[in-house]
N, C-alpha and C. Protein backbone atom coordinates (compact mmCIF):
# COMPACT_ATOMS: atom_id res chain seq x y z
N MET A 1 -8.73 -18.82 -5.41
CA MET A 1 -7.64 -18.39 -6.28
C MET A 1 -7.17 -17.00 -5.84
N TRP A 2 -5.88 -16.82 -5.78
CA TRP A 2 -5.29 -15.55 -5.36
C TRP A 2 -5.16 -14.61 -6.54
N GLY A 3 -5.39 -13.35 -6.29
CA GLY A 3 -5.18 -12.32 -7.31
C GLY A 3 -3.70 -12.00 -7.40
N VAL A 4 -3.36 -11.26 -8.43
CA VAL A 4 -1.99 -10.82 -8.62
C VAL A 4 -1.88 -9.40 -8.08
N ILE A 5 -0.96 -9.20 -7.15
CA ILE A 5 -0.76 -7.90 -6.55
C ILE A 5 0.58 -7.34 -7.01
N GLU A 6 0.55 -6.12 -7.53
CA GLU A 6 1.76 -5.37 -7.84
C GLU A 6 1.79 -4.19 -6.88
N VAL A 7 2.99 -3.71 -6.54
CA VAL A 7 3.13 -2.58 -5.63
C VAL A 7 4.07 -1.57 -6.29
N SER A 8 3.59 -0.34 -6.47
CA SER A 8 4.44 0.68 -7.08
C SER A 8 5.59 1.03 -6.14
N ASP A 9 6.64 1.63 -6.67
CA ASP A 9 7.78 2.05 -5.85
C ASP A 9 7.34 3.04 -4.78
N TRP A 10 6.45 3.95 -5.14
CA TRP A 10 5.97 4.95 -4.20
C TRP A 10 5.21 4.28 -3.05
N ALA A 11 4.32 3.33 -3.36
CA ALA A 11 3.58 2.61 -2.33
C ALA A 11 4.52 1.78 -1.47
N ARG A 12 5.51 1.17 -2.09
CA ARG A 12 6.49 0.37 -1.35
C ARG A 12 7.21 1.24 -0.32
N ASP A 13 7.58 2.44 -0.71
CA ASP A 13 8.26 3.36 0.20
C ASP A 13 7.36 3.73 1.38
N ILE A 14 6.12 4.07 1.10
CA ILE A 14 5.19 4.46 2.16
C ILE A 14 4.91 3.28 3.09
N LEU A 15 4.67 2.11 2.54
CA LEU A 15 4.41 0.95 3.38
C LEU A 15 5.62 0.61 4.25
N GLY A 16 6.82 0.70 3.69
CA GLY A 16 8.03 0.43 4.46
C GLY A 16 8.23 1.40 5.61
N ARG A 17 8.01 2.68 5.34
CA ARG A 17 8.16 3.69 6.41
C ARG A 17 7.11 3.49 7.50
N SER A 18 5.89 3.19 7.09
CA SER A 18 4.82 2.96 8.07
C SER A 18 5.13 1.76 8.95
N HIS A 19 5.62 0.71 8.32
CA HIS A 19 5.96 -0.50 9.06
C HIS A 19 7.07 -0.24 10.07
N GLU A 20 8.11 0.47 9.65
CA GLU A 20 9.21 0.79 10.57
C GLU A 20 8.70 1.58 11.77
N ALA A 21 7.84 2.56 11.53
CA ALA A 21 7.32 3.38 12.62
C ALA A 21 6.46 2.55 13.58
N ALA A 22 5.61 1.71 13.05
CA ALA A 22 4.72 0.89 13.89
C ALA A 22 5.51 -0.09 14.75
N ARG A 23 6.59 -0.63 14.20
CA ARG A 23 7.37 -1.63 14.95
C ARG A 23 8.12 -1.01 16.11
N ARG A 24 8.29 0.30 16.12
CA ARG A 24 8.90 0.95 17.29
C ARG A 24 7.99 0.82 18.50
N PHE A 25 6.68 0.79 18.28
CA PHE A 25 5.71 0.67 19.36
C PHE A 25 5.29 -0.77 19.63
N ASN A 26 5.27 -1.57 18.59
CA ASN A 26 4.86 -2.97 18.70
C ASN A 26 5.73 -3.80 17.76
N PRO A 27 6.74 -4.50 18.28
CA PRO A 27 7.63 -5.27 17.42
C PRO A 27 6.92 -6.36 16.60
N GLN A 28 5.71 -6.74 17.01
CA GLN A 28 4.95 -7.77 16.28
C GLN A 28 4.07 -7.18 15.18
N ALA A 29 4.07 -5.87 15.01
CA ALA A 29 3.18 -5.22 14.04
C ALA A 29 3.47 -5.69 12.62
N ARG A 30 2.41 -5.98 11.90
CA ARG A 30 2.46 -6.35 10.49
C ARG A 30 1.46 -5.47 9.75
N ILE A 31 1.63 -5.37 8.43
CA ILE A 31 0.69 -4.59 7.62
C ILE A 31 -0.23 -5.54 6.87
N ARG A 32 -1.51 -5.19 6.89
CA ARG A 32 -2.52 -5.92 6.12
C ARG A 32 -3.22 -4.93 5.21
N LEU A 33 -3.40 -5.32 3.95
CA LEU A 33 -4.10 -4.49 2.98
C LEU A 33 -5.48 -5.07 2.71
N ALA A 34 -6.48 -4.19 2.75
CA ALA A 34 -7.85 -4.59 2.47
C ALA A 34 -8.51 -3.51 1.64
N LYS A 35 -9.38 -3.89 0.74
CA LYS A 35 -10.06 -2.92 -0.12
C LYS A 35 -11.28 -2.36 0.59
N ARG A 36 -11.40 -1.04 0.54
CA ARG A 36 -12.55 -0.33 1.09
C ARG A 36 -13.02 0.65 0.02
N GLY A 37 -14.03 0.26 -0.75
CA GLY A 37 -14.47 1.07 -1.89
C GLY A 37 -13.39 1.07 -2.95
N SER A 38 -12.99 2.26 -3.42
CA SER A 38 -11.95 2.35 -4.44
C SER A 38 -10.56 2.50 -3.82
N GLU A 39 -10.50 2.58 -2.50
CA GLU A 39 -9.22 2.75 -1.81
C GLU A 39 -8.75 1.44 -1.20
N VAL A 40 -7.46 1.39 -0.93
CA VAL A 40 -6.88 0.28 -0.21
C VAL A 40 -6.54 0.77 1.18
N GLN A 41 -7.02 0.08 2.18
CA GLN A 41 -6.75 0.45 3.56
C GLN A 41 -5.60 -0.40 4.07
N ALA A 42 -4.57 0.26 4.58
CA ALA A 42 -3.46 -0.43 5.22
C ALA A 42 -3.69 -0.37 6.72
N MET A 43 -3.70 -1.52 7.36
CA MET A 43 -3.92 -1.56 8.80
C MET A 43 -2.81 -2.36 9.46
N PHE A 44 -2.58 -2.07 10.72
CA PHE A 44 -1.58 -2.81 11.46
C PHE A 44 -2.26 -3.94 12.21
N ILE A 45 -1.67 -5.11 12.14
CA ILE A 45 -2.20 -6.31 12.78
C ILE A 45 -1.08 -7.01 13.52
N ASP A 46 -1.44 -7.87 14.47
CA ASP A 46 -0.45 -8.69 15.16
C ASP A 46 -0.20 -9.99 14.42
N ARG A 47 -1.25 -10.49 13.77
CA ARG A 47 -1.12 -11.72 12.98
C ARG A 47 -2.13 -11.69 11.84
N PRO A 48 -1.80 -12.32 10.73
CA PRO A 48 -2.69 -12.29 9.56
C PRO A 48 -3.94 -13.13 9.79
N GLY A 49 -4.95 -12.84 8.97
CA GLY A 49 -6.16 -13.66 8.98
C GLY A 49 -5.88 -15.01 8.34
N PRO A 50 -6.72 -15.99 8.59
CA PRO A 50 -6.47 -17.35 8.10
C PRO A 50 -6.44 -17.46 6.57
N ASN A 51 -7.07 -16.54 5.86
CA ASN A 51 -7.13 -16.61 4.40
C ASN A 51 -6.27 -15.55 3.71
N ASP A 52 -5.52 -14.76 4.49
CA ASP A 52 -4.69 -13.71 3.90
C ASP A 52 -3.54 -14.29 3.09
N GLN A 53 -3.19 -13.59 2.04
CA GLN A 53 -2.05 -13.96 1.20
C GLN A 53 -0.85 -13.14 1.66
N ALA A 54 0.27 -13.80 1.90
CA ALA A 54 1.51 -13.10 2.25
C ALA A 54 2.26 -12.78 0.96
N ILE A 55 2.63 -11.51 0.79
CA ILE A 55 3.45 -11.13 -0.36
C ILE A 55 4.69 -10.39 0.15
N VAL A 56 5.79 -10.63 -0.51
CA VAL A 56 7.05 -10.00 -0.14
C VAL A 56 7.25 -8.77 -1.01
N VAL A 57 7.50 -7.64 -0.35
CA VAL A 57 7.73 -6.37 -1.03
C VAL A 57 9.07 -5.86 -0.52
N GLY A 58 10.14 -6.13 -1.27
CA GLY A 58 11.47 -5.78 -0.79
C GLY A 58 11.79 -6.60 0.44
N ASP A 59 12.12 -5.93 1.55
CA ASP A 59 12.41 -6.60 2.82
C ASP A 59 11.17 -6.78 3.68
N LEU A 60 10.03 -6.37 3.19
CA LEU A 60 8.80 -6.34 3.96
C LEU A 60 7.83 -7.42 3.46
N THR A 61 7.20 -8.12 4.41
CA THR A 61 6.11 -9.03 4.06
C THR A 61 4.82 -8.36 4.49
N ILE A 62 3.89 -8.24 3.55
CA ILE A 62 2.58 -7.68 3.88
C ILE A 62 1.52 -8.75 3.61
N PHE A 63 0.40 -8.61 4.27
CA PHE A 63 -0.68 -9.57 4.14
C PHE A 63 -1.84 -8.90 3.42
N VAL A 64 -2.45 -9.64 2.52
CA VAL A 64 -3.47 -9.09 1.63
C VAL A 64 -4.73 -9.93 1.75
N GLU A 65 -5.86 -9.24 1.89
CA GLU A 65 -7.14 -9.96 1.99
C GLU A 65 -7.42 -10.69 0.68
N PRO A 66 -8.12 -11.79 0.74
CA PRO A 66 -8.46 -12.52 -0.48
C PRO A 66 -9.25 -11.65 -1.46
N GLY A 67 -8.98 -11.85 -2.74
CA GLY A 67 -9.72 -11.15 -3.79
C GLY A 67 -9.10 -9.84 -4.25
N LEU A 68 -8.08 -9.36 -3.56
CA LEU A 68 -7.42 -8.13 -4.00
C LEU A 68 -6.57 -8.46 -5.23
N ASP A 69 -6.71 -7.66 -6.27
CA ASP A 69 -6.00 -7.91 -7.52
C ASP A 69 -5.71 -6.57 -8.17
N GLY A 70 -4.47 -6.33 -8.58
CA GLY A 70 -4.14 -5.10 -9.27
C GLY A 70 -2.88 -4.46 -8.73
N LEU A 71 -2.74 -3.17 -9.02
CA LEU A 71 -1.57 -2.38 -8.62
C LEU A 71 -1.91 -1.55 -7.40
N ILE A 72 -1.18 -1.74 -6.32
CA ILE A 72 -1.28 -0.87 -5.15
C ILE A 72 -0.44 0.36 -5.47
N ASP A 73 -1.08 1.52 -5.51
CA ASP A 73 -0.41 2.75 -5.90
C ASP A 73 -0.80 3.85 -4.92
N VAL A 74 -0.30 5.04 -5.17
CA VAL A 74 -0.53 6.19 -4.28
C VAL A 74 -1.10 7.33 -5.10
N GLU A 75 -2.04 8.04 -4.50
CA GLU A 75 -2.58 9.26 -5.08
C GLU A 75 -2.51 10.36 -4.05
N GLU A 76 -2.29 11.58 -4.52
CA GLU A 76 -2.35 12.75 -3.65
C GLU A 76 -3.80 13.22 -3.63
N PRO A 77 -4.23 13.93 -2.64
CA PRO A 77 -3.42 14.39 -1.52
C PRO A 77 -3.29 13.33 -0.44
N HIS A 78 -2.38 13.55 0.43
CA HIS A 78 -2.18 12.76 1.65
C HIS A 78 -1.71 11.34 1.42
N ASP A 79 -1.01 11.09 0.34
CA ASP A 79 -0.44 9.76 0.08
C ASP A 79 -1.46 8.64 0.31
N ARG A 80 -2.57 8.74 -0.37
CA ARG A 80 -3.68 7.78 -0.25
C ARG A 80 -3.39 6.54 -1.08
N LEU A 81 -3.43 5.36 -0.45
CA LEU A 81 -3.24 4.11 -1.18
C LEU A 81 -4.50 3.79 -1.97
N VAL A 82 -4.32 3.38 -3.21
CA VAL A 82 -5.44 3.01 -4.08
C VAL A 82 -5.10 1.70 -4.79
N LEU A 83 -6.14 1.01 -5.20
CA LEU A 83 -5.99 -0.20 -6.00
C LEU A 83 -6.38 0.14 -7.43
N ARG A 84 -5.41 -0.04 -8.34
CA ARG A 84 -5.66 0.25 -9.75
C ARG A 84 -5.65 -1.07 -10.52
N PRO A 85 -6.22 -1.12 -11.69
CA PRO A 85 -6.25 -2.36 -12.47
C PRO A 85 -4.83 -2.87 -12.76
N SER A 86 -4.70 -4.17 -12.83
CA SER A 86 -3.41 -4.77 -13.19
C SER A 86 -2.91 -4.19 -14.49
N GLY A 87 -1.61 -3.96 -14.57
CA GLY A 87 -0.99 -3.41 -15.77
C GLY A 87 -1.05 -1.90 -15.85
N SER A 88 -1.66 -1.23 -14.87
CA SER A 88 -1.73 0.23 -14.88
C SER A 88 -0.34 0.82 -14.70
N ARG A 89 -0.15 2.00 -15.26
CA ARG A 89 1.10 2.72 -15.08
C ARG A 89 1.07 3.40 -13.72
N PRO A 90 2.10 3.22 -12.89
CA PRO A 90 2.11 3.86 -11.57
C PRO A 90 2.13 5.38 -11.68
N ASN A 91 1.52 6.05 -10.71
CA ASN A 91 1.58 7.51 -10.64
C ASN A 91 2.99 7.95 -10.35
N ASP A 92 3.36 9.12 -10.89
CA ASP A 92 4.64 9.72 -10.57
C ASP A 92 4.57 10.29 -9.17
N ARG A 93 5.63 10.13 -8.42
CA ARG A 93 5.69 10.64 -7.05
C ARG A 93 5.44 12.14 -7.05
N GLY A 94 4.51 12.58 -6.22
CA GLY A 94 4.22 14.00 -6.11
C GLY A 94 3.30 14.53 -7.19
N GLN A 95 2.83 13.66 -8.08
CA GLN A 95 1.94 14.07 -9.17
C GLN A 95 0.50 13.71 -8.79
N PRO A 96 -0.38 14.68 -8.61
CA PRO A 96 -1.76 14.36 -8.28
C PRO A 96 -2.40 13.50 -9.37
N ALA A 97 -3.34 12.66 -8.98
CA ALA A 97 -4.06 11.84 -9.95
C ALA A 97 -4.69 12.76 -10.99
N GLY A 98 -4.54 12.43 -12.25
CA GLY A 98 -5.09 13.25 -13.31
C GLY A 98 -4.16 14.33 -13.80
N GLY A 99 -2.90 14.33 -13.31
CA GLY A 99 -1.93 15.32 -13.77
C GLY A 99 -1.97 16.57 -12.92
N GLY A 100 -1.16 17.54 -13.29
CA GLY A 100 -1.17 18.80 -12.57
C GLY A 100 0.11 19.03 -11.79
N GLY A 101 -0.03 19.78 -10.71
CA GLY A 101 1.09 20.25 -9.92
C GLY A 101 1.89 19.19 -9.21
N GLY A 102 2.72 19.66 -8.28
CA GLY A 102 3.64 18.77 -7.59
C GLY A 102 3.19 18.40 -6.21
N ASP A 103 4.14 18.34 -5.30
CA ASP A 103 3.92 17.90 -3.93
C ASP A 103 2.83 18.72 -3.25
N GLN A 104 1.92 18.05 -2.61
CA GLN A 104 0.82 18.71 -1.92
C GLN A 104 1.06 18.79 -0.41
N GLY A 105 2.33 18.76 0.02
CA GLY A 105 2.64 18.89 1.43
C GLY A 105 2.58 17.57 2.18
N SER A 106 2.90 16.49 1.54
CA SER A 106 2.83 15.18 2.16
C SER A 106 3.78 15.08 3.36
N ILE A 107 3.33 14.37 4.38
CA ILE A 107 4.18 14.17 5.56
C ILE A 107 5.24 13.11 5.30
N TRP A 108 5.17 12.40 4.19
CA TRP A 108 6.11 11.30 3.92
C TRP A 108 7.35 11.75 3.21
N ARG A 109 7.51 13.03 2.93
CA ARG A 109 8.70 13.48 2.22
C ARG A 109 9.56 14.32 3.11
């Protein structure tokens, strides 16, 4: 059974930019999301694994390892992708997890 994956606007922007950059070097590059501890690791692949779920995010198709369920979101510093429980409120762009100041010097802005 496949989990339900949601992608915040901020994560969608980062994934889209990463994909565009990777395809300049390898036109076959695709993004695959896999959970590593509490973080979500985005990796570039040439083709998905046999059990990966394809999800459409805007104009981008990303592949997700089986069992991933929840909201793909971003936390500062360094625009770190994280998996949050389904139904979670997305983080505000530039807002560190837990509240506080603004942009921490991200390379994505």
